[in-house]
Amino acid sequence: MDSITMLHEYADQIAMAVTFDYGSNHAKREIPFAQLHCQRLGIRHLIIPLSFMHDYFKSSLLEGDAAIPEGHYAAENMKSTVVPFRNGIMLAIACGIAESNGLKRVMIANHGGDHTIYPDCRPEFIQAMSSAMSNGTYEHIEICAPYTNISKSDIARHGKTMQLNYAETWSCYRGGTKHCGKCGTCVERREALREAGIDDPTEYEE
């Protein structure tokens, strides 16, 4: 929801989009939607494999659907879904791609609801990473993270104004044929759509 909303909202500023396939349970569900929206907007789309993360990193996102905890993101058990330094690795690669293509910024759709669980979604991390990227490139590439201090419900409100069809997005960490409706990201998705006043178009298992 977050990345697709940002893709549409900032489409006139985006030269290319990148999906990183790091072996998560839900990659096979997310990637086709990313391709669909990029094709629709005429934005070049890269898919970059990062299989080493699946092989060497510890996270329930990489261990099959049964490992995914249920509940709200505020719960302690949701920390198992952290993929260590995932955004740091991906932003570093995106920075190299940006400089190689004469681009000045890298965008990321982290948001305020991520801050509790994910250290590499917090404002201080984004600021520090942006500074490192700027200091480490000739073009002084920076991060643009427009949703850092707003909620997923706010993002859904942005999507509502653009009349986005959120049935064409994927959130569930289990990556089944339908959203499970119970994992942290499903719970947050339901909450965001409800608070934004959007009729939830998502197919849930329950």
N, C-alpha and C. Protein backbone atom coordinates (compact mmCIF):
# COMPACT_ATOMS: atom_id res chain seq x y z
N MET A 1 0.82 -1.21 0.00
CA MET A 1 0.00 0.00 0.00
C MET A 1 0.85 1.25 0.00
N ASP A 2 1.88 1.26 0.83
CA ASP A 2 2.68 2.47 1.03
C ASP A 2 3.48 2.82 -0.23
N SER A 3 4.20 1.84 -0.76
CA SER A 3 5.04 2.10 -1.93
C SER A 3 4.20 2.43 -3.17
N ILE A 4 3.09 1.72 -3.34
CA ILE A 4 2.24 1.96 -4.51
C ILE A 4 1.60 3.35 -4.42
N THR A 5 1.20 3.75 -3.23
CA THR A 5 0.63 5.09 -3.06
C THR A 5 1.67 6.15 -3.39
N MET A 6 2.90 5.97 -2.88
CA MET A 6 3.96 6.92 -3.17
C MET A 6 4.30 6.94 -4.66
N LEU A 7 4.30 5.76 -5.28
CA LEU A 7 4.59 5.67 -6.70
C LEU A 7 3.63 6.53 -7.52
N HIS A 8 2.34 6.47 -7.18
CA HIS A 8 1.34 7.25 -7.90
C HIS A 8 1.41 8.73 -7.52
N GLU A 9 1.57 9.01 -6.23
CA GLU A 9 1.56 10.39 -5.79
C GLU A 9 2.74 11.19 -6.35
N TYR A 10 3.88 10.52 -6.50
CA TYR A 10 5.10 11.21 -6.95
C TYR A 10 5.56 10.72 -8.32
N ALA A 11 4.64 10.18 -9.11
CA ALA A 11 5.00 9.57 -10.39
C ALA A 11 5.77 10.51 -11.30
N ASP A 12 5.43 11.81 -11.27
CA ASP A 12 6.11 12.76 -12.16
C ASP A 12 7.53 13.06 -11.72
N GLN A 13 7.94 12.57 -10.54
CA GLN A 13 9.29 12.78 -10.04
C GLN A 13 10.12 11.49 -10.03
N ILE A 14 9.52 10.40 -10.45
CA ILE A 14 10.17 9.09 -10.34
C ILE A 14 10.65 8.62 -11.71
N ALA A 15 11.96 8.38 -11.81
CA ALA A 15 12.55 7.93 -13.08
C ALA A 15 12.53 6.42 -13.20
N MET A 16 12.68 5.73 -12.08
CA MET A 16 12.62 4.27 -12.09
C MET A 16 12.23 3.78 -10.70
N ALA A 17 11.69 2.57 -10.66
CA ALA A 17 11.30 1.96 -9.40
C ALA A 17 12.09 0.66 -9.24
N VAL A 18 12.40 0.32 -7.99
CA VAL A 18 13.19 -0.87 -7.71
C VAL A 18 12.45 -1.76 -6.72
N THR A 19 12.33 -3.03 -7.07
CA THR A 19 11.84 -4.05 -6.14
C THR A 19 13.00 -4.96 -5.80
N PHE A 20 13.23 -5.17 -4.52
CA PHE A 20 14.27 -6.08 -4.07
C PHE A 20 13.63 -7.41 -3.67
N ASP A 21 14.04 -8.47 -4.32
CA ASP A 21 13.53 -9.81 -3.99
C ASP A 21 14.54 -10.48 -3.07
N TYR A 22 14.25 -10.43 -1.77
CA TYR A 22 15.17 -10.98 -0.79
C TYR A 22 14.67 -12.30 -0.20
N GLY A 23 13.74 -12.94 -0.91
CA GLY A 23 13.28 -14.25 -0.49
C GLY A 23 12.22 -14.24 0.58
N SER A 24 11.50 -13.12 0.71
CA SER A 24 10.44 -13.06 1.72
C SER A 24 9.27 -13.93 1.30
N ASN A 25 8.44 -14.30 2.28
CA ASN A 25 7.26 -15.13 2.01
C ASN A 25 6.33 -14.50 1.00
N HIS A 26 6.25 -13.17 1.01
CA HIS A 26 5.24 -12.46 0.24
C HIS A 26 5.76 -11.86 -1.07
N ALA A 27 7.01 -12.10 -1.42
CA ALA A 27 7.58 -11.49 -2.63
C ALA A 27 6.79 -11.86 -3.88
N LYS A 28 6.39 -13.13 -3.97
CA LYS A 28 5.69 -13.59 -5.17
C LYS A 28 4.33 -12.92 -5.34
N ARG A 29 3.80 -12.35 -4.25
CA ARG A 29 2.52 -11.64 -4.32
C ARG A 29 2.73 -10.15 -4.57
N GLU A 30 3.80 -9.59 -4.01
CA GLU A 30 4.07 -8.16 -4.14
C GLU A 30 4.60 -7.77 -5.52
N ILE A 31 5.50 -8.58 -6.05
CA ILE A 31 6.21 -8.20 -7.28
C ILE A 31 5.28 -7.99 -8.47
N PRO A 32 4.30 -8.88 -8.71
CA PRO A 32 3.40 -8.63 -9.85
C PRO A 32 2.62 -7.32 -9.74
N PHE A 33 2.25 -6.92 -8.54
CA PHE A 33 1.55 -5.65 -8.36
C PHE A 33 2.49 -4.48 -8.64
N ALA A 34 3.74 -4.60 -8.20
CA ALA A 34 4.72 -3.55 -8.49
C ALA A 34 4.89 -3.40 -10.00
N GLN A 35 4.99 -4.53 -10.70
CA GLN A 35 5.12 -4.49 -12.16
C GLN A 35 3.90 -3.85 -12.81
N LEU A 36 2.72 -4.22 -12.33
CA LEU A 36 1.47 -3.70 -12.88
C LEU A 36 1.41 -2.17 -12.80
N HIS A 37 1.71 -1.64 -11.62
CA HIS A 37 1.60 -0.19 -11.43
C HIS A 37 2.68 0.57 -12.19
N CYS A 38 3.87 0.02 -12.25
CA CYS A 38 4.93 0.68 -13.00
C CYS A 38 4.60 0.70 -14.50
N GLN A 39 4.08 -0.40 -15.01
CA GLN A 39 3.68 -0.43 -16.43
C GLN A 39 2.58 0.59 -16.69
N ARG A 40 1.64 0.68 -15.78
CA ARG A 40 0.52 1.60 -15.93
C ARG A 40 0.99 3.06 -15.95
N LEU A 41 2.01 3.35 -15.15
CA LEU A 41 2.51 4.72 -15.05
C LEU A 41 3.65 5.00 -16.02
N GLY A 42 4.10 3.98 -16.72
CA GLY A 42 5.21 4.17 -17.65
C GLY A 42 6.54 4.39 -16.96
N ILE A 43 6.72 3.78 -15.79
CA ILE A 43 7.95 3.93 -15.01
C ILE A 43 8.79 2.65 -15.14
N ARG A 44 10.04 2.82 -15.47
CA ARG A 44 10.95 1.67 -15.57
C ARG A 44 11.03 0.95 -14.23
N HIS A 45 10.95 -0.38 -14.27
CA HIS A 45 10.92 -1.17 -13.04
C HIS A 45 12.04 -2.20 -13.03
N LEU A 46 12.88 -2.14 -12.02
CA LEU A 46 13.96 -3.10 -11.85
C LEU A 46 13.61 -4.08 -10.73
N ILE A 47 13.92 -5.35 -10.94
CA ILE A 47 13.80 -6.36 -9.87
C ILE A 47 15.19 -6.87 -9.58
N ILE A 48 15.66 -6.65 -8.36
CA ILE A 48 17.03 -7.00 -7.99
C ILE A 48 17.00 -8.13 -6.96
N PRO A 49 17.59 -9.28 -7.28
CA PRO A 49 17.61 -10.40 -6.33
C PRO A 49 18.65 -10.19 -5.22
N LEU A 50 18.22 -10.46 -4.02
CA LEU A 50 19.12 -10.39 -2.86
C LEU A 50 18.98 -11.69 -2.07
N SER A 51 19.26 -12.81 -2.73
CA SER A 51 19.02 -14.12 -2.13
C SER A 51 19.88 -14.37 -0.89
N PHE A 52 21.02 -13.67 -0.81
CA PHE A 52 21.89 -13.87 0.35
C PHE A 52 21.17 -13.51 1.65
N MET A 53 20.23 -12.58 1.60
CA MET A 53 19.51 -12.19 2.81
C MET A 53 18.66 -13.35 3.32
N HIS A 54 18.01 -14.05 2.40
CA HIS A 54 17.22 -15.22 2.79
C HIS A 54 18.12 -16.31 3.37
N ASP A 55 19.30 -16.46 2.79
CA ASP A 55 20.20 -17.54 3.20
C ASP A 55 20.90 -17.29 4.53
N TYR A 56 21.17 -16.02 4.86
CA TYR A 56 22.02 -15.73 6.01
C TYR A 56 21.39 -14.88 7.10
N PHE A 57 20.24 -14.27 6.84
CA PHE A 57 19.62 -13.39 7.82
C PHE A 57 18.52 -14.13 8.60
N LYS A 58 18.29 -13.68 9.80
CA LYS A 58 17.29 -14.28 10.68
C LYS A 58 16.07 -13.38 10.75
N SER A 59 14.91 -13.88 10.30
CA SER A 59 13.65 -13.15 10.39
C SER A 59 12.51 -14.11 10.07
N SER A 60 11.37 -13.93 10.75
CA SER A 60 10.21 -14.77 10.44
C SER A 60 9.70 -14.52 9.03
N LEU A 61 10.03 -13.36 8.45
CA LEU A 61 9.62 -13.07 7.07
C LEU A 61 10.29 -14.00 6.07
N LEU A 62 11.35 -14.67 6.52
CA LEU A 62 12.14 -15.52 5.63
C LEU A 62 12.00 -17.00 5.95
N GLU A 63 11.09 -17.33 6.86
CA GLU A 63 11.04 -18.70 7.38
C GLU A 63 9.74 -19.43 7.07
N GLY A 64 8.96 -18.95 6.12
CA GLY A 64 7.70 -19.61 5.80
C GLY A 64 6.52 -19.00 6.54
N ASP A 65 5.32 -19.23 6.03
CA ASP A 65 4.15 -18.55 6.57
C ASP A 65 3.83 -18.91 8.01
N ALA A 66 4.17 -20.12 8.43
CA ALA A 66 3.84 -20.54 9.80
C ALA A 66 4.63 -19.76 10.85
N ALA A 67 5.74 -19.17 10.46
CA ALA A 67 6.58 -18.42 11.41
C ALA A 67 6.06 -17.02 11.68
N ILE A 68 5.14 -16.52 10.86
CA ILE A 68 4.66 -15.14 10.99
C ILE A 68 3.72 -15.01 12.19
N PRO A 69 4.02 -14.11 13.12
CA PRO A 69 3.16 -13.94 14.29
C PRO A 69 1.87 -13.20 13.95
N GLU A 70 0.86 -13.40 14.78
CA GLU A 70 -0.40 -12.69 14.62
C GLU A 70 -0.49 -11.57 15.65
N GLY A 71 -1.29 -10.55 15.34
CA GLY A 71 -1.50 -9.46 16.28
C GLY A 71 -1.17 -8.11 15.68
N HIS A 72 -1.13 -7.10 16.55
CA HIS A 72 -0.88 -5.72 16.13
C HIS A 72 0.62 -5.44 16.17
N TYR A 73 1.06 -4.48 15.36
CA TYR A 73 2.47 -4.13 15.31
C TYR A 73 3.04 -3.68 16.66
N ALA A 74 2.18 -3.19 17.52
CA ALA A 74 2.65 -2.72 18.83
C ALA A 74 3.08 -3.88 19.73
N ALA A 75 2.70 -5.11 19.38
CA ALA A 75 3.00 -6.27 20.22
C ALA A 75 4.48 -6.65 20.11
N GLU A 76 5.02 -7.14 21.21
CA GLU A 76 6.44 -7.49 21.27
C GLU A 76 6.81 -8.59 20.27
N ASN A 77 5.88 -9.53 20.01
CA ASN A 77 6.22 -10.65 19.13
C ASN A 77 6.44 -10.22 17.68
N MET A 78 6.03 -9.00 17.33
CA MET A 78 6.21 -8.52 15.96
C MET A 78 7.67 -8.25 15.62
N LYS A 79 8.52 -8.17 16.64
CA LYS A 79 9.95 -7.93 16.36
C LYS A 79 10.57 -9.06 15.56
N SER A 80 9.93 -10.23 15.57
CA SER A 80 10.47 -11.36 14.79
C SER A 80 10.41 -11.09 13.29
N THR A 81 9.58 -10.11 12.88
CA THR A 81 9.45 -9.81 11.44
C THR A 81 10.54 -8.86 10.93
N VAL A 82 11.37 -8.37 11.83
CA VAL A 82 12.46 -7.50 11.40
C VAL A 82 13.48 -8.30 10.59
N VAL A 83 13.82 -7.79 9.42
CA VAL A 83 14.93 -8.33 8.64
C VAL A 83 16.10 -7.38 8.90
N PRO A 84 17.14 -7.84 9.63
CA PRO A 84 18.17 -6.92 10.11
C PRO A 84 18.77 -6.02 9.04
N PHE A 85 18.64 -4.72 9.29
CA PHE A 85 19.22 -3.67 8.44
C PHE A 85 18.77 -3.75 6.98
N ARG A 86 17.60 -4.31 6.75
CA ARG A 86 17.08 -4.46 5.39
C ARG A 86 17.07 -3.14 4.63
N ASN A 87 16.49 -2.11 5.23
CA ASN A 87 16.39 -0.84 4.51
C ASN A 87 17.76 -0.20 4.28
N GLY A 88 18.68 -0.41 5.21
CA GLY A 88 20.02 0.11 5.02
C GLY A 88 20.69 -0.50 3.80
N ILE A 89 20.56 -1.81 3.65
CA ILE A 89 21.14 -2.52 2.51
C ILE A 89 20.48 -2.07 1.21
N MET A 90 19.17 -2.01 1.22
CA MET A 90 18.43 -1.66 0.00
C MET A 90 18.66 -0.21 -0.40
N LEU A 91 18.69 0.68 0.57
CA LEU A 91 18.95 2.09 0.25
C LEU A 91 20.36 2.28 -0.30
N ALA A 92 21.32 1.54 0.23
CA ALA A 92 22.70 1.64 -0.27
C ALA A 92 22.77 1.21 -1.74
N ILE A 93 22.09 0.11 -2.07
CA ILE A 93 22.07 -0.35 -3.46
C ILE A 93 21.34 0.66 -4.34
N ALA A 94 20.21 1.15 -3.85
CA ALA A 94 19.44 2.15 -4.62
C ALA A 94 20.26 3.41 -4.85
N CYS A 95 21.08 3.76 -3.88
CA CYS A 95 21.96 4.94 -4.02
C CYS A 95 22.94 4.72 -5.17
N GLY A 96 23.55 3.53 -5.23
CA GLY A 96 24.47 3.23 -6.32
C GLY A 96 23.78 3.23 -7.68
N ILE A 97 22.55 2.73 -7.71
CA ILE A 97 21.78 2.74 -8.96
C ILE A 97 21.47 4.18 -9.37
N ALA A 98 21.09 4.99 -8.38
CA ALA A 98 20.76 6.39 -8.67
C ALA A 98 21.97 7.12 -9.27
N GLU A 99 23.13 6.99 -8.62
CA GLU A 99 24.30 7.70 -9.13
C GLU A 99 24.71 7.17 -10.51
N SER A 100 24.54 5.88 -10.73
CA SER A 100 24.89 5.29 -12.02
C SER A 100 23.99 5.78 -13.14
N ASN A 101 22.81 6.28 -12.77
CA ASN A 101 21.84 6.74 -13.76
C ASN A 101 21.63 8.25 -13.75
N GLY A 102 22.52 8.97 -13.08
CA GLY A 102 22.45 10.42 -13.06
C GLY A 102 21.27 10.98 -12.29
N LEU A 103 20.81 10.24 -11.28
CA LEU A 103 19.66 10.67 -10.48
C LEU A 103 20.13 11.24 -9.15
N LYS A 104 19.32 12.09 -8.55
CA LYS A 104 19.73 12.86 -7.37
C LYS A 104 19.13 12.36 -6.05
N ARG A 105 18.03 11.60 -6.14
CA ARG A 105 17.32 11.23 -4.91
C ARG A 105 16.90 9.77 -4.95
N VAL A 106 16.79 9.20 -3.77
CA VAL A 106 16.22 7.87 -3.59
C VAL A 106 15.00 8.03 -2.68
N MET A 107 13.88 7.46 -3.10
CA MET A 107 12.65 7.59 -2.31
C MET A 107 12.35 6.28 -1.57
N ILE A 108 11.73 6.41 -0.42
CA ILE A 108 11.32 5.26 0.38
C ILE A 108 9.99 5.60 1.05
N ALA A 109 9.12 4.60 1.17
CA ALA A 109 7.77 4.84 1.68
C ALA A 109 7.58 4.34 3.11
N ASN A 110 8.62 4.47 3.94
CA ASN A 110 8.45 4.18 5.36
C ASN A 110 7.45 5.16 5.97
N HIS A 111 6.81 4.78 7.05
CA HIS A 111 5.83 5.68 7.67
C HIS A 111 5.85 5.57 9.19
N GLY A 112 5.10 6.43 9.83
CA GLY A 112 5.12 6.54 11.29
C GLY A 112 4.76 5.26 12.02
N GLY A 113 3.90 4.44 11.43
CA GLY A 113 3.50 3.19 12.07
C GLY A 113 4.60 2.16 12.13
N ASP A 114 5.66 2.36 11.33
CA ASP A 114 6.79 1.43 11.31
C ASP A 114 7.76 1.66 12.46
N HIS A 115 7.68 2.82 13.10
CA HIS A 115 8.75 3.24 14.01
C HIS A 115 8.88 2.34 15.23
N THR A 116 7.77 1.80 15.72
CA THR A 116 7.81 1.00 16.95
C THR A 116 8.68 -0.24 16.79
N ILE A 117 8.53 -0.93 15.67
CA ILE A 117 9.17 -2.22 15.47
C ILE A 117 10.46 -2.14 14.66
N TYR A 118 10.49 -1.27 13.64
CA TYR A 118 11.57 -1.31 12.66
C TYR A 118 12.53 -0.14 12.83
N PRO A 119 13.73 -0.38 13.38
CA PRO A 119 14.69 0.71 13.59
C PRO A 119 15.09 1.41 12.30
N ASP A 120 15.13 0.66 11.18
CA ASP A 120 15.58 1.27 9.92
C ASP A 120 14.42 1.90 9.15
N CYS A 121 13.36 2.24 9.87
CA CYS A 121 12.27 3.05 9.30
C CYS A 121 12.12 4.37 10.05
N ARG A 122 12.88 4.53 11.12
CA ARG A 122 12.72 5.70 11.99
C ARG A 122 13.38 6.95 11.40
N PRO A 123 12.88 8.14 11.78
CA PRO A 123 13.42 9.38 11.21
C PRO A 123 14.92 9.53 11.40
N GLU A 124 15.44 9.16 12.56
CA GLU A 124 16.87 9.33 12.81
C GLU A 124 17.71 8.44 11.90
N PHE A 125 17.20 7.25 11.59
CA PHE A 125 17.92 6.39 10.65
C PHE A 125 17.89 6.98 9.24
N ILE A 126 16.72 7.42 8.81
CA ILE A 126 16.59 7.99 7.47
C ILE A 126 17.51 9.19 7.31
N GLN A 127 17.57 10.04 8.34
CA GLN A 127 18.43 11.22 8.29
C GLN A 127 19.90 10.82 8.22
N ALA A 128 20.29 9.84 9.04
CA ALA A 128 21.68 9.40 9.07
C ALA A 128 22.07 8.73 7.75
N MET A 129 21.17 7.92 7.21
CA MET A 129 21.47 7.23 5.96
C MET A 129 21.54 8.23 4.81
N SER A 130 20.68 9.21 4.82
CA SER A 130 20.70 10.24 3.78
C SER A 130 22.02 11.01 3.83
N SER A 131 22.48 11.32 5.04
CA SER A 131 23.75 12.02 5.20
C SER A 131 24.90 11.17 4.69
N ALA A 132 24.89 9.87 5.00
CA ALA A 132 25.95 8.97 4.54
C ALA A 132 25.97 8.89 3.02
N MET A 133 24.79 8.80 2.41
CA MET A 133 24.69 8.72 0.96
C MET A 133 25.19 10.01 0.31
N SER A 134 24.82 11.13 0.89
CA SER A 134 25.24 12.42 0.35
C SER A 134 26.76 12.57 0.42
N ASN A 135 27.33 12.17 1.55
CA ASN A 135 28.78 12.29 1.74
C ASN A 135 29.56 11.25 0.94
N GLY A 136 28.89 10.17 0.54
CA GLY A 136 29.57 9.08 -0.14
C GLY A 136 29.40 9.07 -1.65
N THR A 137 28.78 10.12 -2.20
CA THR A 137 28.57 10.18 -3.65
C THR A 137 28.98 11.55 -4.19
N TYR A 138 29.45 11.56 -5.42
CA TYR A 138 29.82 12.82 -6.05
C TYR A 138 28.59 13.72 -6.24
N GLU A 139 27.45 13.09 -6.50
CA GLU A 139 26.22 13.86 -6.75
C GLU A 139 25.47 14.22 -5.48
N HIS A 140 26.01 13.81 -4.32
CA HIS A 140 25.37 14.11 -3.02
C HIS A 140 23.91 13.66 -3.01
N ILE A 141 23.73 12.40 -3.33
CA ILE A 141 22.39 11.82 -3.40
C ILE A 141 21.77 11.79 -2.00
N GLU A 142 20.50 12.13 -1.94
CA GLU A 142 19.78 12.20 -0.67
C GLU A 142 18.55 11.30 -0.71
N ILE A 143 18.03 11.02 0.47
CA ILE A 143 16.80 10.24 0.60
C ILE A 143 15.61 11.20 0.70
N CYS A 144 14.57 10.88 -0.02
CA CYS A 144 13.28 11.57 0.11
C CYS A 144 12.30 10.56 0.69
N ALA A 145 11.83 10.82 1.90
CA ALA A 145 10.93 9.90 2.60
C ALA A 145 9.69 10.66 3.05
N PRO A 146 8.76 10.94 2.14
CA PRO A 146 7.65 11.86 2.42
C PRO A 146 6.65 11.37 3.44
N TYR A 147 6.64 10.07 3.73
CA TYR A 147 5.64 9.53 4.66
C TYR A 147 6.19 9.25 6.06
N THR A 148 7.43 9.61 6.30
CA THR A 148 8.11 9.24 7.55
C THR A 148 7.31 9.59 8.80
N ASN A 149 6.68 10.73 8.80
CA ASN A 149 6.01 11.20 10.03
C ASN A 149 4.49 11.18 9.94
N ILE A 150 3.96 10.39 9.00
CA ILE A 150 2.50 10.24 8.95
C ILE A 150 2.15 8.76 9.12
N SER A 151 0.89 8.48 9.35
CA SER A 151 0.45 7.11 9.61
C SER A 151 0.04 6.40 8.32
N LYS A 152 -0.14 5.09 8.42
CA LYS A 152 -0.63 4.33 7.27
C LYS A 152 -2.04 4.76 6.91
N SER A 153 -2.82 5.17 7.90
CA SER A 153 -4.16 5.70 7.62
C SER A 153 -4.08 6.97 6.79
N ASP A 154 -3.09 7.81 7.10
CA ASP A 154 -2.88 9.03 6.30
C ASP A 154 -2.50 8.67 4.87
N ILE A 155 -1.66 7.65 4.72
CA ILE A 155 -1.27 7.21 3.39
C ILE A 155 -2.49 6.73 2.61
N ALA A 156 -3.35 5.97 3.30
CA ALA A 156 -4.58 5.50 2.65
C ALA A 156 -5.47 6.67 2.24
N ARG A 157 -5.46 7.73 3.03
CA ARG A 157 -6.24 8.93 2.66
C ARG A 157 -5.67 9.57 1.39
N HIS A 158 -4.35 9.57 1.26
CA HIS A 158 -3.72 10.06 0.03
C HIS A 158 -4.20 9.22 -1.15
N GLY A 159 -4.20 7.91 -0.94
CA GLY A 159 -4.63 7.01 -2.01
C GLY A 159 -6.10 7.21 -2.36
N LYS A 160 -6.89 7.50 -1.37
CA LYS A 160 -8.33 7.73 -1.61
C LYS A 160 -8.53 8.93 -2.52
N THR A 161 -7.76 10.00 -2.29
CA THR A 161 -7.91 11.19 -3.14
C THR A 161 -7.51 10.91 -4.58
N MET A 162 -6.62 9.92 -4.77
CA MET A 162 -6.19 9.55 -6.13
C MET A 162 -7.03 8.42 -6.70
N GLN A 163 -8.00 7.95 -5.90
CA GLN A 163 -8.90 6.86 -6.30
C GLN A 163 -8.13 5.58 -6.62
N LEU A 164 -7.11 5.30 -5.82
CA LEU A 164 -6.36 4.06 -6.01
C LEU A 164 -7.20 2.85 -5.61
N ASN A 165 -7.02 1.78 -6.33
CA ASN A 165 -7.70 0.53 -6.01
C ASN A 165 -6.74 -0.33 -5.19
N TYR A 166 -6.94 -0.37 -3.89
CA TYR A 166 -6.01 -1.10 -3.03
C TYR A 166 -6.15 -2.61 -3.14
N ALA A 167 -7.11 -3.08 -3.92
CA ALA A 167 -7.15 -4.51 -4.24
C ALA A 167 -5.94 -4.88 -5.08
N GLU A 168 -5.34 -3.88 -5.72
CA GLU A 168 -4.16 -4.10 -6.55
C GLU A 168 -2.87 -3.83 -5.77
N THR A 169 -2.90 -4.17 -4.50
CA THR A 169 -1.71 -4.08 -3.65
C THR A 169 -1.67 -5.32 -2.77
N TRP A 170 -0.52 -5.58 -2.20
CA TRP A 170 -0.38 -6.74 -1.31
C TRP A 170 0.31 -6.32 -0.03
N SER A 171 -0.21 -6.79 1.12
CA SER A 171 0.38 -6.48 2.42
C SER A 171 0.80 -7.71 3.21
N CYS A 172 0.04 -8.78 3.14
CA CYS A 172 0.18 -9.92 4.07
C CYS A 172 1.57 -10.54 4.04
N TYR A 173 2.16 -10.70 5.22
CA TYR A 173 3.49 -11.27 5.34
C TYR A 173 3.51 -12.78 5.09
N ARG A 174 2.36 -13.44 5.13
CA ARG A 174 2.34 -14.88 4.90
C ARG A 174 2.39 -15.24 3.42
N GLY A 175 1.92 -14.35 2.57
CA GLY A 175 2.07 -14.56 1.13
C GLY A 175 1.25 -15.69 0.55
N GLY A 176 0.07 -15.96 1.15
CA GLY A 176 -0.80 -17.00 0.61
C GLY A 176 -1.59 -16.51 -0.59
N THR A 177 -2.62 -17.26 -0.96
CA THR A 177 -3.45 -16.85 -2.10
C THR A 177 -4.37 -15.69 -1.73
N LYS A 178 -4.66 -15.55 -0.42
CA LYS A 178 -5.43 -14.43 0.10
C LYS A 178 -4.70 -13.85 1.30
N HIS A 179 -5.03 -12.61 1.67
CA HIS A 179 -4.49 -12.03 2.91
C HIS A 179 -5.00 -12.84 4.10
N CYS A 180 -4.11 -13.10 5.06
CA CYS A 180 -4.53 -13.91 6.22
C CYS A 180 -5.48 -13.14 7.12
N GLY A 181 -5.32 -11.80 7.16
CA GLY A 181 -6.19 -10.97 8.00
C GLY A 181 -5.77 -10.89 9.45
N LYS A 182 -4.71 -11.62 9.83
CA LYS A 182 -4.35 -11.70 11.25
C LYS A 182 -2.92 -11.26 11.57
N CYS A 183 -2.03 -11.26 10.59
CA CYS A 183 -0.66 -10.84 10.88
C CYS A 183 -0.61 -9.32 11.06
N GLY A 184 0.50 -8.82 11.56
CA GLY A 184 0.59 -7.41 11.89
C GLY A 184 0.27 -6.49 10.73
N THR A 185 0.79 -6.83 9.55
CA THR A 185 0.57 -5.94 8.41
C THR A 185 -0.87 -6.02 7.89
N CYS A 186 -1.51 -7.18 8.03
CA CYS A 186 -2.94 -7.27 7.68
C CYS A 186 -3.80 -6.45 8.64
N VAL A 187 -3.48 -6.56 9.93
CA VAL A 187 -4.23 -5.79 10.94
C VAL A 187 -4.07 -4.30 10.67
N GLU A 188 -2.85 -3.87 10.37
CA GLU A 188 -2.59 -2.46 10.10
C GLU A 188 -3.28 -2.02 8.81
N ARG A 189 -3.29 -2.87 7.81
CA ARG A 189 -3.96 -2.56 6.54
C ARG A 189 -5.46 -2.33 6.77
N ARG A 190 -6.08 -3.25 7.48
CA ARG A 190 -7.52 -3.14 7.77
C ARG A 190 -7.82 -1.84 8.52
N GLU A 191 -7.00 -1.56 9.51
CA GLU A 191 -7.17 -0.36 10.33
C GLU A 191 -7.04 0.90 9.48
N ALA A 192 -6.03 0.93 8.61
CA ALA A 192 -5.78 2.12 7.78
C ALA A 192 -6.92 2.38 6.81
N LEU A 193 -7.40 1.33 6.16
CA LEU A 193 -8.49 1.50 5.20
C LEU A 193 -9.76 1.95 5.91
N ARG A 194 -10.01 1.37 7.07
CA ARG A 194 -11.20 1.74 7.84
C ARG A 194 -11.13 3.21 8.26
N GLU A 195 -9.98 3.61 8.80
CA GLU A 195 -9.85 4.99 9.28
C GLU A 195 -9.86 6.00 8.14
N ALA A 196 -9.49 5.57 6.94
CA ALA A 196 -9.50 6.45 5.77
C ALA A 196 -10.88 6.50 5.11
N GLY A 197 -11.78 5.68 5.62
CA GLY A 197 -13.13 5.66 5.05
C GLY A 197 -13.19 4.97 3.70
N ILE A 198 -12.33 3.97 3.51
CA ILE A 198 -12.30 3.21 2.26
C ILE A 198 -12.92 1.84 2.49
N ASP A 199 -13.85 1.45 1.65
CA ASP A 199 -14.41 0.09 1.71
C ASP A 199 -13.29 -0.87 1.37
N ASP A 200 -12.99 -1.76 2.28
CA ASP A 200 -11.84 -2.66 2.13
C ASP A 200 -12.09 -3.65 1.00
N PRO A 201 -11.30 -3.58 -0.09
CA PRO A 201 -11.49 -4.49 -1.22
C PRO A 201 -10.69 -5.78 -1.10
N THR A 202 -10.00 -5.94 0.03
CA THR A 202 -9.08 -7.04 0.20
C THR A 202 -9.81 -8.37 0.42
N GLU A 203 -9.31 -9.42 -0.20
CA GLU A 203 -9.82 -10.77 0.06
C GLU A 203 -9.03 -11.36 1.22
N TYR A 204 -9.74 -11.66 2.32
CA TYR A 204 -9.10 -12.26 3.49
C TYR A 204 -9.51 -13.73 3.62
N GLU A 205 -8.65 -14.51 4.25
CA GLU A 205 -8.94 -15.92 4.44
C GLU A 205 -10.10 -16.15 5.39
N GLU A 206 -10.20 -15.31 6.40
CA GLU A 206 -11.23 -15.52 7.42
C GLU A 206 -12.58 -14.98 6.98
